[in-house]
Amino acid sequence: MEIIILSGADSDLDEIYSLLDETSGGDAFLRALDRKLELLRKFPKLATRSKIGAVRRTRVGKSVYGLFYTIEGNRLMVVALQDLRQDPKTIARTIRRRL
């Protein structure tokens, strides 16, 4: 399974890393994200479907961030990395704009 991180998700990752790096958590988040992506590479349907079309959602490690993705053929498309503490409607709007 090929993993593709779309530009919006890449921007999310930059923002999260900057926020967490201030508390030295950025590198730990990247390691947790890498572990999650490797798991999803092997088991792409592991995460539950969200209420946004075919988008699936899973938490990154023990963080407050969720990874939102779709499966298109043999590709796992990472659409967004979002703070799950925000209003679900805000997350849904962000993801719909990116699809």
PDB file of N, CA and C in Angstrom:
ATOM      1  N   MET A   1       0.857  -1.178   0.000  1.00  0.00           N
ATOM      2  CA  MET A   1       0.000   0.000   0.000  1.00  0.00           C
ATOM      3  C   MET A   1       0.903   1.240   0.000  1.00  0.00           C
ATOM      4  N   GLU A   2       0.701   2.078  -0.980  1.00  0.00           N
ATOM      5  CA  GLU A   2       1.451   3.335  -1.069  1.00  0.00           C
ATOM      6  C   GLU A   2       0.758   4.390  -0.204  1.00  0.00           C
ATOM      7  N   ILE A   3       1.532   5.129   0.564  1.00  0.00           N
ATOM      8  CA  ILE A   3       0.982   6.192   1.404  1.00  0.00           C
ATOM      9  C   ILE A   3       1.344   7.533   0.792  1.00  0.00           C
ATOM     10  N   ILE A   4       0.315   8.347   0.566  1.00  0.00           N
ATOM     11  CA  ILE A   4       0.511   9.679   0.000  1.00  0.00           C
ATOM     12  C   ILE A   4      -0.039  10.699   0.988  1.00  0.00           C
ATOM     13  N   ILE A   5       0.809  11.627   1.380  1.00  0.00           N
ATOM     14  CA  ILE A   5       0.390  12.693   2.288  1.00  0.00           C
ATOM     15  C   ILE A   5       0.084  13.913   1.432  1.00  0.00           C
ATOM     16  N   LEU A   6      -1.184  14.281   1.376  1.00  0.00           N
ATOM     17  CA  LEU A   6      -1.607  15.414   0.563  1.00  0.00           C
ATOM     18  C   LEU A   6      -1.103  16.725   1.166  1.00  0.00           C
ATOM     19  N   SER A   7      -1.065  17.764   0.362  1.00  0.00           N
ATOM     20  CA  SER A   7      -0.462  19.034   0.782  1.00  0.00           C
ATOM     21  C   SER A   7      -1.115  19.612   2.035  1.00  0.00           C
ATOM     22  N   GLY A   8      -2.432  19.503   2.160  1.00  0.00           N
ATOM     23  CA  GLY A   8      -3.105  20.017   3.352  1.00  0.00           C
ATOM     24  C   GLY A   8      -2.651  19.295   4.612  1.00  0.00           C
ATOM     25  N   ALA A   9      -2.511  17.981   4.513  1.00  0.00           N
ATOM     26  CA  ALA A   9      -2.050  17.188   5.656  1.00  0.00           C
ATOM     27  C   ALA A   9      -0.595  17.501   5.969  1.00  0.00           C
ATOM     28  N   ASP A  10       0.191  17.768   4.933  1.00  0.00           N
ATOM     29  CA  ASP A  10       1.594  18.137   5.139  1.00  0.00           C
ATOM     30  C   ASP A  10       1.684  19.470   5.894  1.00  0.00           C
ATOM     31  N   SER A  11       0.814  20.410   5.545  1.00  0.00           N
ATOM     32  CA  SER A  11       0.764  21.688   6.265  1.00  0.00           C
ATOM     33  C   SER A  11       0.332  21.483   7.712  1.00  0.00           C
ATOM     34  N   ASP A  12      -0.650  20.593   7.915  1.00  0.00           N
ATOM     35  CA  ASP A  12      -1.085  20.274   9.280  1.00  0.00           C
ATOM     36  C   ASP A  12       0.092  19.741  10.087  1.00  0.00           C
ATOM     37  N   LEU A  13       0.861  18.837   9.482  1.00  0.00           N
ATOM     38  CA  LEU A  13       1.996  18.226  10.159  1.00  0.00           C
ATOM     39  C   LEU A  13       3.033  19.277  10.545  1.00  0.00           C
ATOM     40  N   ASP A  14       3.319  20.204   9.641  1.00  0.00           N
ATOM     41  CA  ASP A  14       4.264  21.284   9.954  1.00  0.00           C
ATOM     42  C   ASP A  14       3.789  22.097  11.153  1.00  0.00           C
ATOM     43  N   GLU A  15       2.499  22.414  11.164  1.00  0.00           N
ATOM     44  CA  GLU A  15       1.928  23.206  12.259  1.00  0.00           C
ATOM     45  C   GLU A  15       1.982  22.443  13.583  1.00  0.00           C
ATOM     46  N   ILE A  16       1.604  21.179  13.551  1.00  0.00           N
ATOM     47  CA  ILE A  16       1.624  20.360  14.766  1.00  0.00           C
ATOM     48  C   ILE A  16       3.044  20.224  15.290  1.00  0.00           C
ATOM     49  N   TYR A  17       3.983  19.962  14.388  1.00  0.00           N
ATOM     50  CA  TYR A  17       5.377  19.809  14.803  1.00  0.00           C
ATOM     51  C   TYR A  17       5.888  21.089  15.464  1.00  0.00           C
ATOM     52  N   SER A  18       5.558  22.220  14.884  1.00  0.00           N
ATOM     53  CA  SER A  18       5.983  23.506  15.461  1.00  0.00           C
ATOM     54  C   SER A  18       5.406  23.705  16.853  1.00  0.00           C
ATOM     55  N   LEU A  19       4.137  23.375  17.015  1.00  0.00           N
ATOM     56  CA  LEU A  19       3.493  23.522  18.327  1.00  0.00           C
ATOM     57  C   LEU A  19       4.120  22.589  19.353  1.00  0.00           C
ATOM     58  N   LEU A  20       4.321  21.344  18.958  1.00  0.00           N
ATOM     59  CA  LEU A  20       4.843  20.353  19.894  1.00  0.00           C
ATOM     60  C   LEU A  20       6.334  20.511  20.143  1.00  0.00           C
ATOM     61  N   ASP A  21       7.056  21.023  19.153  1.00  0.00           N
ATOM     62  CA  ASP A  21       8.501  21.159  19.301  1.00  0.00           C
ATOM     63  C   ASP A  21       8.859  22.129  20.421  1.00  0.00           C
ATOM     64  N   GLU A  22       7.959  23.068  20.693  1.00  0.00           N
ATOM     65  CA  GLU A  22       8.198  24.004  21.790  1.00  0.00           C
ATOM     66  C   GLU A  22       8.268  23.276  23.124  1.00  0.00           C
ATOM     67  N   THR A  23       7.616  22.133  23.211  1.00  0.00           N
ATOM     68  CA  THR A  23       7.650  21.339  24.442  1.00  0.00           C
ATOM     69  C   THR A  23       8.459  20.060  24.237  1.00  0.00           C
ATOM     70  N   SER A  24       9.265  20.029  23.166  1.00  0.00           N
ATOM     71  CA  SER A  24      10.102  18.866  22.825  1.00  0.00           C
ATOM     72  C   SER A  24       9.282  17.625  22.497  1.00  0.00           C
ATOM     73  N   GLY A  25       8.045  17.808  22.070  1.00  0.00           N
ATOM     74  CA  GLY A  25       7.205  16.657  21.726  1.00  0.00           C
ATOM     75  C   GLY A  25       7.105  16.404  20.246  1.00  0.00           C
ATOM     76  N   GLY A  26       7.690  17.275  19.433  1.00  0.00           N
ATOM     77  CA  GLY A  26       7.580  17.141  17.984  1.00  0.00           C
ATOM     78  C   GLY A  26       8.155  15.846  17.455  1.00  0.00           C
ATOM     79  N   ASP A  27       9.344  15.483  17.911  1.00  0.00           N
ATOM     80  CA  ASP A  27       9.979  14.250  17.431  1.00  0.00           C
ATOM     81  C   ASP A  27       9.206  13.009  17.875  1.00  0.00           C
ATOM     82  N   ALA A  28       8.691  13.044  19.094  1.00  0.00           N
ATOM     83  CA  ALA A  28       7.887  11.908  19.583  1.00  0.00           C
ATOM     84  C   ALA A  28       6.615  11.761  18.746  1.00  0.00           C
ATOM     85  N   PHE A  29       6.014  12.881  18.358  1.00  0.00           N
ATOM     86  CA  PHE A  29       4.818  12.830  17.520  1.00  0.00           C
ATOM     87  C   PHE A  29       5.153  12.219  16.161  1.00  0.00           C
ATOM     88  N   LEU A  30       6.282  12.633  15.579  1.00  0.00           N
ATOM     89  CA  LEU A  30       6.683  12.081  14.282  1.00  0.00           C
ATOM     90  C   LEU A  30       6.906  10.575  14.351  1.00  0.00           C
ATOM     91  N   ARG A  31       7.504  10.108  15.440  1.00  0.00           N
ATOM     92  CA  ARG A  31       7.702   8.658  15.605  1.00  0.00           C
ATOM     93  C   ARG A  31       6.358   7.936  15.714  1.00  0.00           C
ATOM     94  N   ALA A  32       5.418   8.525  16.474  1.00  0.00           N
ATOM     95  CA  ALA A  32       4.093   7.911  16.618  1.00  0.00           C
ATOM     96  C   ALA A  32       3.360   7.906  15.273  1.00  0.00           C
ATOM     97  N   LEU A  33       3.505   8.966  14.517  1.00  0.00           N
ATOM     98  CA  LEU A  33       2.871   9.039  13.199  1.00  0.00           C
ATOM     99  C   LEU A  33       3.471   7.989  12.265  1.00  0.00           C
ATOM    100  N   ASP A  34       4.776   7.845  12.278  1.00  0.00           N
ATOM    101  CA  ASP A  34       5.423   6.820  11.446  1.00  0.00           C
ATOM    102  C   ASP A  34       4.933   5.421  11.805  1.00  0.00           C
ATOM    103  N   ARG A  35       4.819   5.137  13.106  1.00  0.00           N
ATOM    104  CA  ARG A  35       4.318   3.817  13.536  1.00  0.00           C
ATOM    105  C   ARG A  35       2.890   3.596  13.050  1.00  0.00           C
ATOM    106  N   LYS A  36       2.061   4.639  13.162  1.00  0.00           N
ATOM    107  CA  LYS A  36       0.662   4.524  12.740  1.00  0.00           C
ATOM    108  C   LYS A  36       0.572   4.297  11.235  1.00  0.00           C
ATOM    109  N   LEU A  37       1.365   5.031  10.464  1.00  0.00           N
ATOM    110  CA  LEU A  37       1.325   4.870   9.007  1.00  0.00           C
ATOM    111  C   LEU A  37       1.806   3.489   8.578  1.00  0.00           C
ATOM    112  N   GLU A  38       2.808   2.954   9.254  1.00  0.00           N
ATOM    113  CA  GLU A  38       3.273   1.596   8.933  1.00  0.00           C
ATOM    114  C   GLU A  38       2.186   0.572   9.243  1.00  0.00           C
ATOM    115  N   LEU A  39       1.483   0.757  10.344  1.00  0.00           N
ATOM    116  CA  LEU A  39       0.380  -0.140  10.690  1.00  0.00           C
ATOM    117  C   LEU A  39      -0.728  -0.052   9.638  1.00  0.00           C
ATOM    118  N   LEU A  40      -1.056   1.178   9.227  1.00  0.00           N
ATOM    119  CA  LEU A  40      -2.094   1.356   8.215  1.00  0.00           C
ATOM    120  C   LEU A  40      -1.660   0.839   6.846  1.00  0.00           C
ATOM    121  N   ARG A  41      -0.369   0.863   6.570  1.00  0.00           N
ATOM    122  CA  ARG A  41       0.132   0.313   5.305  1.00  0.00           C
ATOM    123  C   ARG A  41      -0.213  -1.180   5.227  1.00  0.00           C
ATOM    124  N   LYS A  42      -0.095  -1.867   6.360  1.00  0.00           N
ATOM    125  CA  LYS A  42      -0.384  -3.305   6.409  1.00  0.00           C
ATOM    126  C   LYS A  42      -1.874  -3.587   6.542  1.00  0.00           C
ATOM    127  N   PHE A  43      -2.566  -2.729   7.298  1.00  0.00           N
ATOM    128  CA  PHE A  43      -3.990  -2.923   7.578  1.00  0.00           C
ATOM    129  C   PHE A  43      -4.749  -1.622   7.314  1.00  0.00           C
ATOM    130  N   PRO A  44      -4.932  -1.256   6.051  1.00  0.00           N
ATOM    131  CA  PRO A  44      -5.517   0.047   5.727  1.00  0.00           C
ATOM    132  C   PRO A  44      -6.950   0.261   6.218  1.00  0.00           C
ATOM    133  N   LYS A  45      -7.687  -0.793   6.421  1.00  0.00           N
ATOM    134  CA  LYS A  45      -9.075  -0.643   6.879  1.00  0.00           C
ATOM    135  C   LYS A  45      -9.202  -0.749   8.394  1.00  0.00           C
ATOM    136  N   LEU A  46      -8.081  -0.660   9.090  1.00  0.00           N
ATOM    137  CA  LEU A  46      -8.060  -0.772  10.546  1.00  0.00           C
ATOM    138  C   LEU A  46      -8.850   0.352  11.217  1.00  0.00           C
ATOM    139  N   ALA A  47      -8.724   1.553  10.699  1.00  0.00           N
ATOM    140  CA  ALA A  47      -9.379   2.712  11.311  1.00  0.00           C
ATOM    141  C   ALA A  47     -10.872   2.718  11.007  1.00  0.00           C
ATOM    142  N   THR A  48     -11.622   3.341  11.884  1.00  0.00           N
ATOM    143  CA  THR A  48     -13.065   3.429  11.695  1.00  0.00           C
ATOM    144  C   THR A  48     -13.399   4.502  10.675  1.00  0.00           C
ATOM    145  N   ARG A  49     -14.518   4.316  10.007  1.00  0.00           N
ATOM    146  CA  ARG A  49     -14.980   5.331   9.058  1.00  0.00           C
ATOM    147  C   ARG A  49     -15.530   6.506   9.840  1.00  0.00           C
ATOM    148  N   SER A  50     -15.219   7.688   9.359  1.00  0.00           N
ATOM    149  CA  SER A  50     -15.769   8.893   9.972  1.00  0.00           C
ATOM    150  C   SER A  50     -17.137   9.150   9.349  1.00  0.00           C
ATOM    151  N   LYS A  51     -17.746  10.234   9.720  1.00  0.00           N
ATOM    152  CA  LYS A  51     -19.052  10.587   9.161  1.00  0.00           C
ATOM    153  C   LYS A  51     -18.901  11.441   7.913  1.00  0.00           C
ATOM    154  N   ILE A  52     -17.684  11.475   7.363  1.00  0.00           N
ATOM    155  CA  ILE A  52     -17.392  12.298   6.188  1.00  0.00           C
ATOM    156  C   ILE A  52     -17.083  11.379   5.012  1.00  0.00           C
ATOM    157  N   GLY A  53     -18.099  10.958   4.316  1.00  0.00           N
ATOM    158  CA  GLY A  53     -17.914  10.099   3.148  1.00  0.00           C
ATOM    159  C   GLY A  53     -17.113   8.846   3.446  1.00  0.00           C
ATOM    160  N   ALA A  54     -16.104   8.592   2.622  1.00  0.00           N
ATOM    161  CA  ALA A  54     -15.274   7.396   2.760  1.00  0.00           C
ATOM    162  C   ALA A  54     -14.029   7.653   3.608  1.00  0.00           C
ATOM    163  N   VAL A  55     -13.993   8.774   4.288  1.00  0.00           N
ATOM    164  CA  VAL A  55     -12.824   9.135   5.092  1.00  0.00           C
ATOM    165  C   VAL A  55     -12.789   8.299   6.364  1.00  0.00           C
ATOM    166  N   ARG A  56     -11.614   7.802   6.682  1.00  0.00           N
ATOM    167  CA  ARG A  56     -11.391   7.041   7.907  1.00  0.00           C
ATOM    168  C   ARG A  56     -10.590   7.890   8.885  1.00  0.00           C
ATOM    169  N   ARG A  57     -10.741   7.585  10.166  1.00  0.00           N
ATOM    170  CA  ARG A  57     -10.079   8.382  11.208  1.00  0.00           C
ATOM    171  C   ARG A  57      -9.449   7.464  12.236  1.00  0.00           C
ATOM    172  N   THR A  58      -8.247   7.838  12.649  1.00  0.00           N
ATOM    173  CA  THR A  58      -7.565   7.124  13.720  1.00  0.00           C
ATOM    174  C   THR A  58      -6.729   8.112  14.514  1.00  0.00           C
ATOM    175  N   ARG A  59      -6.530   7.823  15.767  1.00  0.00           N
ATOM    176  CA  ARG A  59      -5.714   8.692  16.624  1.00  0.00           C
ATOM    177  C   ARG A  59      -4.235   8.371  16.416  1.00  0.00           C
ATOM    178  N   VAL A  60      -3.416   9.405  16.471  1.00  0.00           N
ATOM    179  CA  VAL A  60      -1.966   9.225  16.336  1.00  0.00           C
ATOM    180  C   VAL A  60      -1.392   9.013  17.727  1.00  0.00           C
ATOM    181  N   GLY A  61      -0.998   7.775  18.016  1.00  0.00           N
ATOM    182  CA  GLY A  61      -0.435   7.441  19.326  1.00  0.00           C
ATOM    183  C   GLY A  61      -1.393   7.820  20.441  1.00  0.00           C
ATOM    184  N   LYS A  62      -0.842   8.432  21.485  1.00  0.00           N
ATOM    185  CA  LYS A  62      -1.654   8.877  22.622  1.00  0.00           C
ATOM    186  C   LYS A  62      -1.931  10.375  22.548  1.00  0.00           C
ATOM    187  N   SER A  63      -1.649  10.963  21.388  1.00  0.00           N
ATOM    188  CA  SER A  63      -1.826  12.406  21.220  1.00  0.00           C
ATOM    189  C   SER A  63      -3.305  12.765  21.052  1.00  0.00           C
ATOM    190  N   VAL A  64      -3.567  14.047  20.965  1.00  0.00           N
ATOM    191  CA  VAL A  64      -4.934  14.542  20.745  1.00  0.00           C
ATOM    192  C   VAL A  64      -5.218  14.715  19.261  1.00  0.00           C
ATOM    193  N   TYR A  65      -4.299  14.231  18.417  1.00  0.00           N
ATOM    194  CA  TYR A  65      -4.434  14.440  16.979  1.00  0.00           C
ATOM    195  C   TYR A  65      -4.959  13.200  16.273  1.00  0.00           C
ATOM    196  N   GLY A  66      -5.843  13.455  15.332  1.00  0.00           N
ATOM    197  CA  GLY A  66      -6.399  12.394  14.520  1.00  0.00           C
ATOM    198  C   GLY A  66      -5.846  12.458  13.112  1.00  0.00           C
ATOM    199  N   LEU A  67      -5.679  11.303  12.517  1.00  0.00           N
ATOM    200  CA  LEU A  67      -5.228  11.175  11.141  1.00  0.00           C
ATOM    201  C   LEU A  67      -6.446  10.789  10.317  1.00  0.00           C
ATOM    202  N   PHE A  68      -6.740  11.561   9.298  1.00  0.00           N
ATOM    203  CA  PHE A  68      -7.902  11.338   8.448  1.00  0.00           C
ATOM    204  C   PHE A  68      -7.407  10.953   7.057  1.00  0.00           C
ATOM    205  N   TYR A  69      -7.930   9.851   6.520  1.00  0.00           N
ATOM    206  CA  TYR A  69      -7.447   9.360   5.239  1.00  0.00           C
ATOM    207  C   TYR A  69      -8.535   8.645   4.459  1.00  0.00           C
ATOM    208  N   THR A  70      -8.253   8.487   3.171  1.00  0.00           N
ATOM    209  CA  THR A  70      -9.115   7.685   2.302  1.00  0.00           C
ATOM    210  C   THR A  70      -8.265   6.602   1.651  1.00  0.00           C
ATOM    211  N   ILE A  71      -8.939   5.579   1.169  1.00  0.00           N
ATOM    212  CA  ILE A  71      -8.263   4.500   0.444  1.00  0.00           C
ATOM    213  C   ILE A  71      -8.733   4.585  -1.005  1.00  0.00           C
ATOM    214  N   GLU A  72      -7.777   4.722  -1.900  1.00  0.00           N
ATOM    215  CA  GLU A  72      -8.084   4.793  -3.331  1.00  0.00           C
ATOM    216  C   GLU A  72      -7.234   3.739  -4.040  1.00  0.00           C
ATOM    217  N   GLY A  73      -7.841   2.618  -4.331  1.00  0.00           N
ATOM    218  CA  GLY A  73      -7.097   1.519  -4.957  1.00  0.00           C
ATOM    219  C   GLY A  73      -6.030   1.007  -4.015  1.00  0.00           C
ATOM    220  N   ASN A  74      -4.767   1.087  -4.444  1.00  0.00           N
ATOM    221  CA  ASN A  74      -3.645   0.629  -3.633  1.00  0.00           C
ATOM    222  C   ASN A  74      -2.936   1.804  -2.954  1.00  0.00           C
ATOM    223  N   ARG A  75      -3.669   2.921  -2.816  1.00  0.00           N
ATOM    224  CA  ARG A  75      -3.083   4.111  -2.195  1.00  0.00           C
ATOM    225  C   ARG A  75      -3.885   4.546  -0.981  1.00  0.00           C
ATOM    226  N   LEU A  76      -3.165   4.899   0.059  1.00  0.00           N
ATOM    227  CA  LEU A  76      -3.763   5.461   1.266  1.00  0.00           C
ATOM    228  C   LEU A  76      -3.441   6.958   1.215  1.00  0.00           C
ATOM    229  N   MET A  77      -4.482   7.779   1.078  1.00  0.00           N
ATOM    230  CA  MET A  77      -4.317   9.219   0.905  1.00  0.00           C
ATOM    231  C   MET A  77      -4.592   9.928   2.231  1.00  0.00           C
ATOM    232  N   VAL A  78      -3.547  10.486   2.849  1.00  0.00           N
ATOM    233  CA  VAL A  78      -3.706  11.211   4.107  1.00  0.00           C
ATOM    234  C   VAL A  78      -4.236  12.603   3.768  1.00  0.00           C
ATOM    235  N   VAL A  79      -5.450  12.879   4.234  1.00  0.00           N
ATOM    236  CA  VAL A  79      -6.136  14.120   3.913  1.00  0.00           C
ATOM    237  C   VAL A  79      -5.848  15.200   4.952  1.00  0.00           C
ATOM    238  N   ALA A  80      -5.795  14.808   6.231  1.00  0.00           N
ATOM    239  CA  ALA A  80      -5.638  15.810   7.287  1.00  0.00           C
ATOM    240  C   ALA A  80      -5.112  15.186   8.568  1.00  0.00           C
ATOM    241  N   LEU A  81      -4.482  16.029   9.369  1.00  0.00           N
ATOM    242  CA  LEU A  81      -4.105  15.724  10.744  1.00  0.00           C
ATOM    243  C   LEU A  81      -4.722  16.845  11.568  1.00  0.00           C
ATOM    244  N   GLN A  82      -5.689  16.504  12.407  1.00  0.00           N
ATOM    245  CA  GLN A  82      -6.450  17.530  13.108  1.00  0.00           C
ATOM    246  C   GLN A  82      -6.521  17.256  14.606  1.00  0.00           C
ATOM    247  N   ASP A  83      -6.558  18.345  15.372  1.00  0.00           N
ATOM    248  CA  ASP A  83      -6.744  18.268  16.820  1.00  0.00           C
ATOM    249  C   ASP A  83      -8.179  17.812  17.070  1.00  0.00           C
ATOM    250  N   LEU A  84      -8.341  16.677  17.709  1.00  0.00           N
ATOM    251  CA  LEU A  84      -9.672  16.099  17.921  1.00  0.00           C
ATOM    252  C   LEU A  84     -10.472  16.811  19.000  1.00  0.00           C
ATOM    253  N   ARG A  85      -9.861  17.772  19.681  1.00  0.00           N
ATOM    254  CA  ARG A  85     -10.582  18.525  20.707  1.00  0.00           C
ATOM    255  C   ARG A  85     -11.424  19.649  20.117  1.00  0.00           C
ATOM    256  N   GLN A  86     -11.221  19.956  18.857  1.00  0.00           N
ATOM    257  CA  GLN A  86     -12.008  21.026  18.243  1.00  0.00           C
ATOM    258  C   GLN A  86     -13.384  20.515  17.830  1.00  0.00           C
ATOM    259  N   ASP A  87     -14.248  21.430  17.501  1.00  0.00           N
ATOM    260  CA  ASP A  87     -15.610  21.108  17.093  1.00  0.00           C
ATOM    261  C   ASP A  87     -15.578  20.169  15.883  1.00  0.00           C
ATOM    262  N   PRO A  88     -16.271  19.037  15.949  1.00  0.00           N
ATOM    263  CA  PRO A  88     -16.287  18.095  14.824  1.00  0.00           C
ATOM    264  C   PRO A  88     -16.734  18.736  13.513  1.00  0.00           C
ATOM    265  N   LYS A  89     -17.593  19.740  13.584  1.00  0.00           N
ATOM    266  CA  LYS A  89     -18.048  20.413  12.364  1.00  0.00           C
ATOM    267  C   LYS A  89     -16.902  21.167  11.706  1.00  0.00           C
ATOM    268  N   THR A  90     -16.002  21.717  12.506  1.00  0.00           N
ATOM    269  CA  THR A  90     -14.836  22.411  11.969  1.00  0.00           C
ATOM    270  C   THR A  90     -13.915  21.422  11.260  1.00  0.00           C
ATOM    271  N   ILE A  91     -13.707  20.276  11.887  1.00  0.00           N
ATOM    272  CA  ILE A  91     -12.881  19.232  11.269  1.00  0.00           C
ATOM    273  C   ILE A  91     -13.515  18.784   9.952  1.00  0.00           C
ATOM    274  N   ALA A  92     -14.823  18.551   9.964  1.00  0.00           N
ATOM    275  CA  ALA A  92     -15.529  18.098   8.759  1.00  0.00           C
ATOM    276  C   ALA A  92     -15.408  19.113   7.635  1.00  0.00           C
ATOM    277  N   ARG A  93     -15.538  20.405   7.942  1.00  0.00           N
ATOM    278  CA  ARG A  93     -15.402  21.442   6.914  1.00  0.00           C
ATOM    279  C   ARG A  93     -14.004  21.437   6.308  1.00  0.00           C
ATOM    280  N   THR A  94     -12.996  21.299   7.168  1.00  0.00           N
ATOM    281  CA  THR A  94     -11.602  21.268   6.689  1.00  0.00           C
ATOM    282  C   THR A  94     -11.405  20.093   5.733  1.00  0.00           C
ATOM    283  N   ILE A  95     -11.884  18.940   6.131  1.00  0.00           N
ATOM    284  CA  ILE A  95     -11.681  17.734   5.310  1.00  0.00           C
ATOM    285  C   ILE A  95     -12.467  17.829   3.998  1.00  0.00           C
ATOM    286  N   ARG A  96     -13.687  18.295   4.045  1.00  0.00           N
ATOM    287  CA  ARG A  96     -14.491  18.415   2.814  1.00  0.00           C
ATOM    288  C   ARG A  96     -13.829  19.357   1.823  1.00  0.00           C
ATOM    289  N   ARG A  97     -13.229  20.433   2.306  1.00  0.00           N
ATOM    290  CA  ARG A  97     -12.536  21.374   1.417  1.00  0.00           C
ATOM    291  C   ARG A  97     -11.363  20.705   0.711  1.00  0.00           C
ATOM    292  N   ARG A  98     -10.763  19.736   1.364  1.00  0.00           N
ATOM    293  CA  ARG A  98      -9.552  19.094   0.827  1.00  0.00           C
ATOM    294  C   ARG A  98      -9.840  17.907  -0.082  1.00  0.00           C
ATOM    295  N   LEU A  99     -11.057  17.403  -0.041  1.00  0.00           N
ATOM    296  CA  LEU A  99     -11.375  16.221  -0.855  1.00  0.00           C
ATOM    297  C   LEU A  99     -11.592  16.564  -2.318  1.00  0.00           C
TER     298      LEU A  99
END
